[in-house]
Amino acid sequence: MQATQQPPFHLRPYLQMLRPANIVTAWADILVGYGATGLVQTDPSQIWPTLSGIVPLLWLLLATTGLYGGGIVFNDVFDAELDAVERPERPIPSGRATLNYGIFLGTVLLLGAIVAAAQVSLLSAEIACVVAFSALTYDAIGKHHPVFGPLNMGLCRGGNWLLGMSVVPGAMLHHGVIVLVPIVYIAAITLMSRGEVDGGDRLASQIALGLLLTVAIGLMALTLLPDYIWLSMLPLGLIWLGLVLPAFIKATTSLTPDLIRQAVRTGVISLIALDAATVAGFSGWLYGGVVLALLPLSRWLASRFAVT
């Protein structure tokens, strides 16, 4: 009897599983948390942190790459049987990637992320562990729950913002409330994504739209923080709202899978604009612009690799 041969290894299917465009949005999350620590000056001539501040930032960017990449790879691992029916074009059900390689890749990425975070501090490593656990919980259990699932996914993003803040632990006490912004926003996107395959549920889509508007109100509410400059936030906030709101309205009106997928894709990538708007209030419009500059890179990657 002839032994069953493994399919030849190709890199692209595994890159597709990583959702590269989404990883760029995770970098923006770290830059938000970092910018909220006060290490970045609002004076344009002093925007760049010192070398001693850049090194921890680079470690955290590496950590979030592993956390998001590992979490999204395990999403495909846990969904392999379901995807064989609903999304047969994905790497694992199509046979272009194997389940075992996926498990190995996801494990290496998550463990590597925790090691990278530990180079900054024990607190950073602990937050990375919590984010990794939250991601795996979502992949295995949370995504199937109508209420806990969106909240679970939002907590992963909120943890990512806290990871960026962990460079200065005291910043989490003063500005930790800002993590409510990504928690609610990602919950909205996750709710909307429920209709990607079979079409949307009107109530779920309307709740998602309502959560999106709640995020917009929450951005303005950040002006209650004593050191938050709303005039720096406003232009970038309008850019974010202009990107995401029309897509959500169209999806809520039509409830068709194509427009829902487009709304989810737009929502995920536009997280960079939301990040830029949020952090501009702490660190000035120029630093916010630096974060926003990640948007073209994410959109370019989204044109070459799947986002959802």
Protein backbone atom coordinates (compact mmCIF):
# COMPACT_ATOMS: atom_id res chain seq x y z
CA MET A 1 0.00 0.00 0.00
CA GLN A 2 1.38 3.39 -0.93
CA ALA A 3 1.87 5.84 1.96
CA THR A 4 -0.28 8.96 1.97
CA GLN A 5 1.86 11.94 1.04
CA GLN A 6 1.60 15.36 2.63
CA PRO A 7 0.77 18.12 0.14
CA PRO A 8 3.77 20.29 -0.78
CA PHE A 9 4.35 23.24 1.53
CA HIS A 10 3.46 26.65 0.13
CA LEU A 11 3.84 29.85 2.13
CA ARG A 12 0.95 31.87 0.73
CA PRO A 13 -1.92 29.85 2.29
CA TYR A 14 -0.40 30.35 5.73
CA LEU A 15 0.07 34.06 5.08
CA GLN A 16 -3.60 34.13 4.08
CA MET A 17 -4.51 32.51 7.41
CA LEU A 18 -2.61 35.29 9.23
CA ARG A 19 -4.82 38.01 7.67
CA PRO A 20 -1.84 40.43 7.17
CA ALA A 21 -4.09 43.47 6.74
CA ASN A 22 -5.61 42.81 10.16
CA ILE A 23 -2.21 42.49 11.81
CA VAL A 24 -1.45 46.05 10.72
CA THR A 25 -4.55 47.16 12.64
CA ALA A 26 -3.11 45.42 15.72
CA TRP A 27 0.05 47.52 15.34
CA ALA A 28 -2.15 50.60 15.43
CA ASP A 29 -3.67 49.34 18.70
CA ILE A 30 -0.23 49.21 20.30
CA LEU A 31 0.54 52.72 19.07
CA VAL A 32 -2.67 53.96 20.72
CA GLY A 33 -1.76 52.49 24.09
CA TYR A 34 1.79 53.73 23.78
CA GLY A 35 0.64 57.22 22.81
CA ALA A 36 -1.70 57.37 25.81
CA THR A 37 1.20 56.88 28.23
CA GLY A 38 2.55 60.40 27.79
CA LEU A 39 5.85 59.18 26.33
CA VAL A 40 5.01 60.86 23.02
CA GLN A 41 5.12 64.65 23.11
CA THR A 42 2.35 66.74 21.54
CA ASP A 43 4.99 69.20 20.32
CA PRO A 44 5.65 68.19 16.67
CA SER A 45 9.36 68.90 17.07
CA GLN A 46 9.55 66.34 19.88
CA ILE A 47 7.12 63.70 18.60
CA TRP A 48 9.56 60.83 18.36
CA PRO A 49 10.28 58.93 21.58
CA THR A 50 13.83 58.38 22.71
CA LEU A 51 15.68 55.16 21.85
CA SER A 52 14.97 53.82 25.33
CA GLY A 53 11.27 54.23 24.59
CA ILE A 54 11.40 52.81 21.06
CA VAL A 55 12.88 49.46 22.06
CA PRO A 56 9.92 48.44 24.28
CA LEU A 57 7.57 49.69 21.57
CA LEU A 58 9.22 47.42 19.01
CA TRP A 59 8.92 44.43 21.34
CA LEU A 60 5.22 45.15 21.82
CA LEU A 61 4.66 45.49 18.08
CA LEU A 62 6.28 42.08 17.67
CA ALA A 63 4.14 40.70 20.50
CA THR A 64 0.88 41.91 19.00
CA THR A 65 1.87 40.43 15.63
CA GLY A 66 2.11 37.04 17.30
CA LEU A 67 -1.04 37.49 19.35
CA TYR A 68 -3.24 38.50 16.44
CA GLY A 69 -1.61 36.11 14.01
CA GLY A 70 -1.82 33.17 16.39
CA GLY A 71 -5.38 33.96 17.37
CA ILE A 72 -6.62 34.22 13.80
CA VAL A 73 -4.78 31.05 12.73
CA PHE A 74 -6.50 29.13 15.52
CA ASN A 75 -9.78 30.62 14.31
CA ASP A 76 -9.29 28.71 11.07
CA VAL A 77 -8.14 25.61 12.97
CA PHE A 78 -11.28 25.49 15.12
CA ASP A 79 -13.48 26.30 12.12
CA ALA A 80 -11.94 23.72 9.76
CA GLU A 81 -14.97 21.40 9.67
CA LEU A 82 -17.49 24.24 9.39
CA ASP A 83 -15.42 25.97 6.71
CA ALA A 84 -15.42 22.76 4.66
CA VAL A 85 -19.15 23.40 4.22
CA GLU A 86 -19.52 27.19 4.38
CA ARG A 87 -16.12 28.50 3.19
CA PRO A 88 -14.42 25.70 1.23
CA GLU A 89 -12.10 28.21 -0.43
CA ARG A 90 -10.21 28.84 2.83
CA PRO A 91 -6.68 27.39 3.12
CA ILE A 92 -7.39 24.37 5.38
CA PRO A 93 -10.61 23.00 3.82
CA SER A 94 -9.25 23.62 0.32
CA GLY A 95 -6.20 21.47 1.14
CA ARG A 96 -3.70 24.26 0.49
CA ALA A 97 -2.78 24.24 4.20
CA THR A 98 -2.90 21.41 6.71
CA LEU A 99 -4.53 21.34 10.11
CA ASN A 100 -1.33 20.20 11.82
CA TYR A 101 0.75 22.98 10.29
CA GLY A 102 -1.94 25.45 11.33
CA ILE A 103 -1.84 24.26 14.94
CA PHE A 104 1.96 24.45 14.95
CA LEU A 105 2.00 27.95 13.44
CA GLY A 106 -0.64 29.29 15.83
CA THR A 107 1.14 27.83 18.86
CA VAL A 108 4.52 29.26 17.87
CA LEU A 109 3.02 32.69 17.25
CA LEU A 110 1.19 32.86 20.60
CA LEU A 111 4.17 31.61 22.62
CA GLY A 112 6.51 33.93 20.73
CA ALA A 113 4.18 36.84 21.48
CA ILE A 114 4.33 36.18 25.22
CA VAL A 115 8.13 35.92 25.11
CA ALA A 116 8.34 39.21 23.19
CA ALA A 117 6.04 40.96 25.68
CA ALA A 118 8.16 39.63 28.56
CA GLN A 119 11.11 41.61 27.19
CA VAL A 120 9.22 44.76 28.23
CA SER A 121 7.94 43.73 31.66
CA LEU A 122 6.22 41.01 33.62
CA LEU A 123 3.01 43.04 33.40
CA SER A 124 3.28 43.09 29.60
CA ALA A 125 3.73 39.32 29.55
CA GLU A 126 0.72 38.86 31.82
CA ILE A 127 -1.45 41.02 29.56
CA ALA A 128 -0.22 39.06 26.54
CA CYS A 129 -1.21 35.81 28.27
CA VAL A 130 -4.69 37.19 28.96
CA VAL A 131 -5.10 38.32 25.34
CA ALA A 132 -3.92 34.94 24.04
CA PHE A 133 -6.34 33.13 26.35
CA SER A 134 -9.17 35.45 25.30
CA ALA A 135 -8.42 34.82 21.63
CA LEU A 136 -8.45 31.05 22.07
CA THR A 137 -11.64 31.28 24.12
CA TYR A 138 -13.28 33.20 21.30
CA ASP A 139 -12.07 30.75 18.68
CA ALA A 140 -13.27 27.68 20.58
CA ILE A 141 -16.39 28.90 22.38
CA GLY A 142 -17.11 32.62 22.26
CA LYS A 143 -17.87 33.00 18.56
CA HIS A 144 -20.86 30.69 18.92
CA HIS A 145 -22.47 32.78 21.67
CA PRO A 146 -24.64 35.73 20.56
CA VAL A 147 -23.74 37.99 23.51
CA PHE A 148 -20.47 36.70 24.96
CA GLY A 149 -18.89 36.32 21.51
CA PRO A 150 -18.82 39.99 20.46
CA LEU A 151 -17.79 41.02 23.99
CA ASN A 152 -15.04 38.38 23.99
CA MET A 153 -13.61 39.65 20.72
CA GLY A 154 -13.80 43.24 21.94
CA LEU A 155 -11.86 42.28 25.07
CA CYS A 156 -9.06 40.97 22.86
CA ARG A 157 -8.70 44.39 21.23
CA GLY A 158 -9.05 46.22 24.53
CA GLY A 159 -6.28 44.04 25.92
CA ASN A 160 -4.15 45.03 22.95
CA TRP A 161 -4.54 48.71 23.85
CA LEU A 162 -3.59 47.88 27.45
CA LEU A 163 -0.54 46.04 26.16
CA GLY A 164 0.62 49.25 24.51
CA MET A 165 0.05 51.13 27.77
CA SER A 166 1.98 48.57 29.81
CA VAL A 167 5.21 50.45 29.03
CA VAL A 168 4.07 52.89 31.72
CA PRO A 169 1.88 50.88 34.15
CA GLY A 170 0.50 54.00 35.81
CA ALA A 171 -1.05 55.05 32.51
CA MET A 172 -3.54 52.21 32.81
CA LEU A 173 -4.88 53.74 36.00
CA HIS A 174 -5.32 57.19 34.46
CA HIS A 175 -6.37 56.29 30.91
CA GLY A 176 -7.47 52.65 31.10
CA VAL A 177 -11.07 53.70 30.46
CA ILE A 178 -10.22 54.21 26.78
CA VAL A 179 -10.24 50.43 26.24
CA LEU A 180 -14.04 50.67 26.19
CA VAL A 181 -13.70 52.23 22.73
CA PRO A 182 -12.29 49.14 20.96
CA ILE A 183 -14.37 46.75 23.07
CA VAL A 184 -17.62 48.33 21.88
CA TYR A 185 -16.37 48.88 18.32
CA ILE A 186 -15.17 45.32 17.81
CA ALA A 187 -18.38 44.04 19.37
CA ALA A 188 -20.24 45.99 16.66
CA ILE A 189 -18.12 44.47 13.88
CA THR A 190 -18.47 40.96 15.33
CA LEU A 191 -22.24 41.31 15.51
CA MET A 192 -22.35 42.52 11.92
CA SER A 193 -20.17 39.60 10.77
CA ARG A 194 -22.81 37.07 11.82
CA GLY A 195 -24.46 37.55 8.42
CA GLU A 196 -21.38 37.09 6.22
CA VAL A 197 -22.50 33.69 4.91
CA ASP A 198 -26.30 33.54 4.92
CA GLY A 199 -27.23 37.21 5.14
CA GLY A 200 -27.79 39.46 8.11
CA ASP A 201 -30.23 39.49 10.95
CA ARG A 202 -31.95 42.87 11.02
CA LEU A 203 -31.96 43.21 14.80
CA ALA A 204 -28.29 42.22 15.12
CA SER A 205 -27.32 44.64 12.33
CA GLN A 206 -29.28 47.47 13.94
CA ILE A 207 -27.61 46.80 17.29
CA ALA A 208 -24.23 46.82 15.52
CA LEU A 209 -25.04 50.19 13.96
CA GLY A 210 -26.16 51.49 17.35
CA LEU A 211 -22.89 50.34 18.93
CA LEU A 212 -20.97 52.11 16.18
CA LEU A 213 -22.73 55.38 16.98
CA THR A 214 -22.04 54.74 20.67
CA VAL A 215 -18.33 54.60 19.85
CA ALA A 216 -18.61 57.98 18.11
CA ILE A 217 -20.24 59.44 21.22
CA GLY A 218 -17.58 57.77 23.36
CA LEU A 219 -14.84 59.50 21.38
CA MET A 220 -16.36 62.85 22.25
CA ALA A 221 -16.74 61.74 25.88
CA LEU A 222 -12.97 61.30 26.09
CA THR A 223 -12.79 65.09 26.23
CA LEU A 224 -13.80 64.70 29.88
CA LEU A 225 -10.28 63.46 30.57
CA PRO A 226 -8.25 66.43 31.83
CA ASP A 227 -5.35 66.01 29.38
CA TYR A 228 -7.34 65.10 26.27
CA ILE A 229 -7.26 67.57 23.35
CA TRP A 230 -10.49 67.11 21.43
CA LEU A 231 -9.51 69.47 18.60
CA SER A 232 -6.66 67.11 17.72
CA MET A 233 -9.04 64.16 17.73
CA LEU A 234 -11.91 65.70 15.76
CA PRO A 235 -10.53 65.71 12.16
CA LEU A 236 -9.32 62.11 12.40
CA GLY A 237 -12.54 61.10 14.12
CA LEU A 238 -14.55 62.47 11.21
CA ILE A 239 -12.34 60.56 8.77
CA TRP A 240 -13.02 57.34 10.69
CA LEU A 241 -16.77 57.93 10.81
CA GLY A 242 -16.85 58.82 7.12
CA LEU A 243 -15.14 55.54 6.28
CA VAL A 244 -17.19 53.15 8.36
CA LEU A 245 -20.67 54.64 8.81
CA PRO A 246 -21.83 54.44 5.15
CA ALA A 247 -20.77 50.79 4.93
CA PHE A 248 -22.67 49.89 8.11
CA ILE A 249 -25.79 51.75 6.96
CA LYS A 250 -25.77 49.94 3.59
CA ALA A 251 -25.31 46.56 5.27
CA THR A 252 -28.08 47.22 7.78
CA THR A 253 -30.44 48.32 5.02
CA SER A 254 -29.76 45.47 2.57
CA LEU A 255 -28.73 42.57 4.86
CA THR A 256 -27.08 40.86 1.87
CA PRO A 257 -23.94 38.76 2.53
CA ASP A 258 -21.81 40.78 0.08
CA LEU A 259 -22.57 44.14 1.69
CA ILE A 260 -22.20 42.68 5.17
CA ARG A 261 -18.76 41.29 4.27
CA GLN A 262 -17.86 44.69 2.84
CA ALA A 263 -19.01 46.40 6.06
CA VAL A 264 -16.98 43.99 8.19
CA ARG A 265 -13.91 44.45 5.99
CA THR A 266 -14.29 48.23 6.12
CA GLY A 267 -14.86 48.13 9.87
CA VAL A 268 -11.75 46.08 10.55
CA ILE A 269 -9.45 48.18 8.41
CA SER A 270 -11.01 51.44 9.63
CA LEU A 271 -9.97 50.48 13.15
CA ILE A 272 -6.70 52.17 12.21
CA ALA A 273 -8.53 55.47 11.67
CA LEU A 274 -10.32 55.03 15.00
CA ASP A 275 -7.00 54.33 16.69
CA ALA A 276 -5.49 57.42 15.08
CA ALA A 277 -8.37 59.62 16.19
CA THR A 278 -8.29 58.32 19.76
CA VAL A 279 -4.56 58.74 20.27
CA ALA A 280 -4.43 62.16 18.61
CA GLY A 281 -6.23 63.58 21.63
CA PHE A 282 -3.38 62.40 23.86
CA SER A 283 -0.32 62.86 21.66
CA GLY A 284 -1.31 65.42 19.04
CA TRP A 285 -2.49 65.34 15.46
CA LEU A 286 0.96 64.54 14.05
CA TYR A 287 1.29 61.30 16.02
CA GLY A 288 -2.29 60.49 15.08
CA GLY A 289 -1.28 61.03 11.47
CA VAL A 290 1.58 58.57 11.90
CA VAL A 291 -0.91 55.95 13.08
CA LEU A 292 -3.29 56.80 10.23
CA ALA A 293 -0.43 56.25 7.78
CA LEU A 294 -0.80 52.53 8.47
CA LEU A 295 -4.20 52.61 6.73
CA PRO A 296 -2.89 52.54 3.12
CA LEU A 297 -0.63 49.60 4.01
CA SER A 298 -3.55 47.70 5.52
CA ARG A 299 -5.79 48.43 2.53
CA TRP A 300 -3.06 47.31 0.13
CA LEU A 301 -2.66 44.04 2.03
CA ALA A 302 -6.45 43.65 2.13
CA SER A 303 -6.49 43.74 -1.66
CA ARG A 304 -4.16 40.73 -1.70
CA PHE A 305 -5.23 38.70 1.33
CA ALA A 306 -8.60 38.01 2.92
CA VAL A 307 -9.66 40.16 5.87
CA THR A 308 -12.54 38.05 7.19
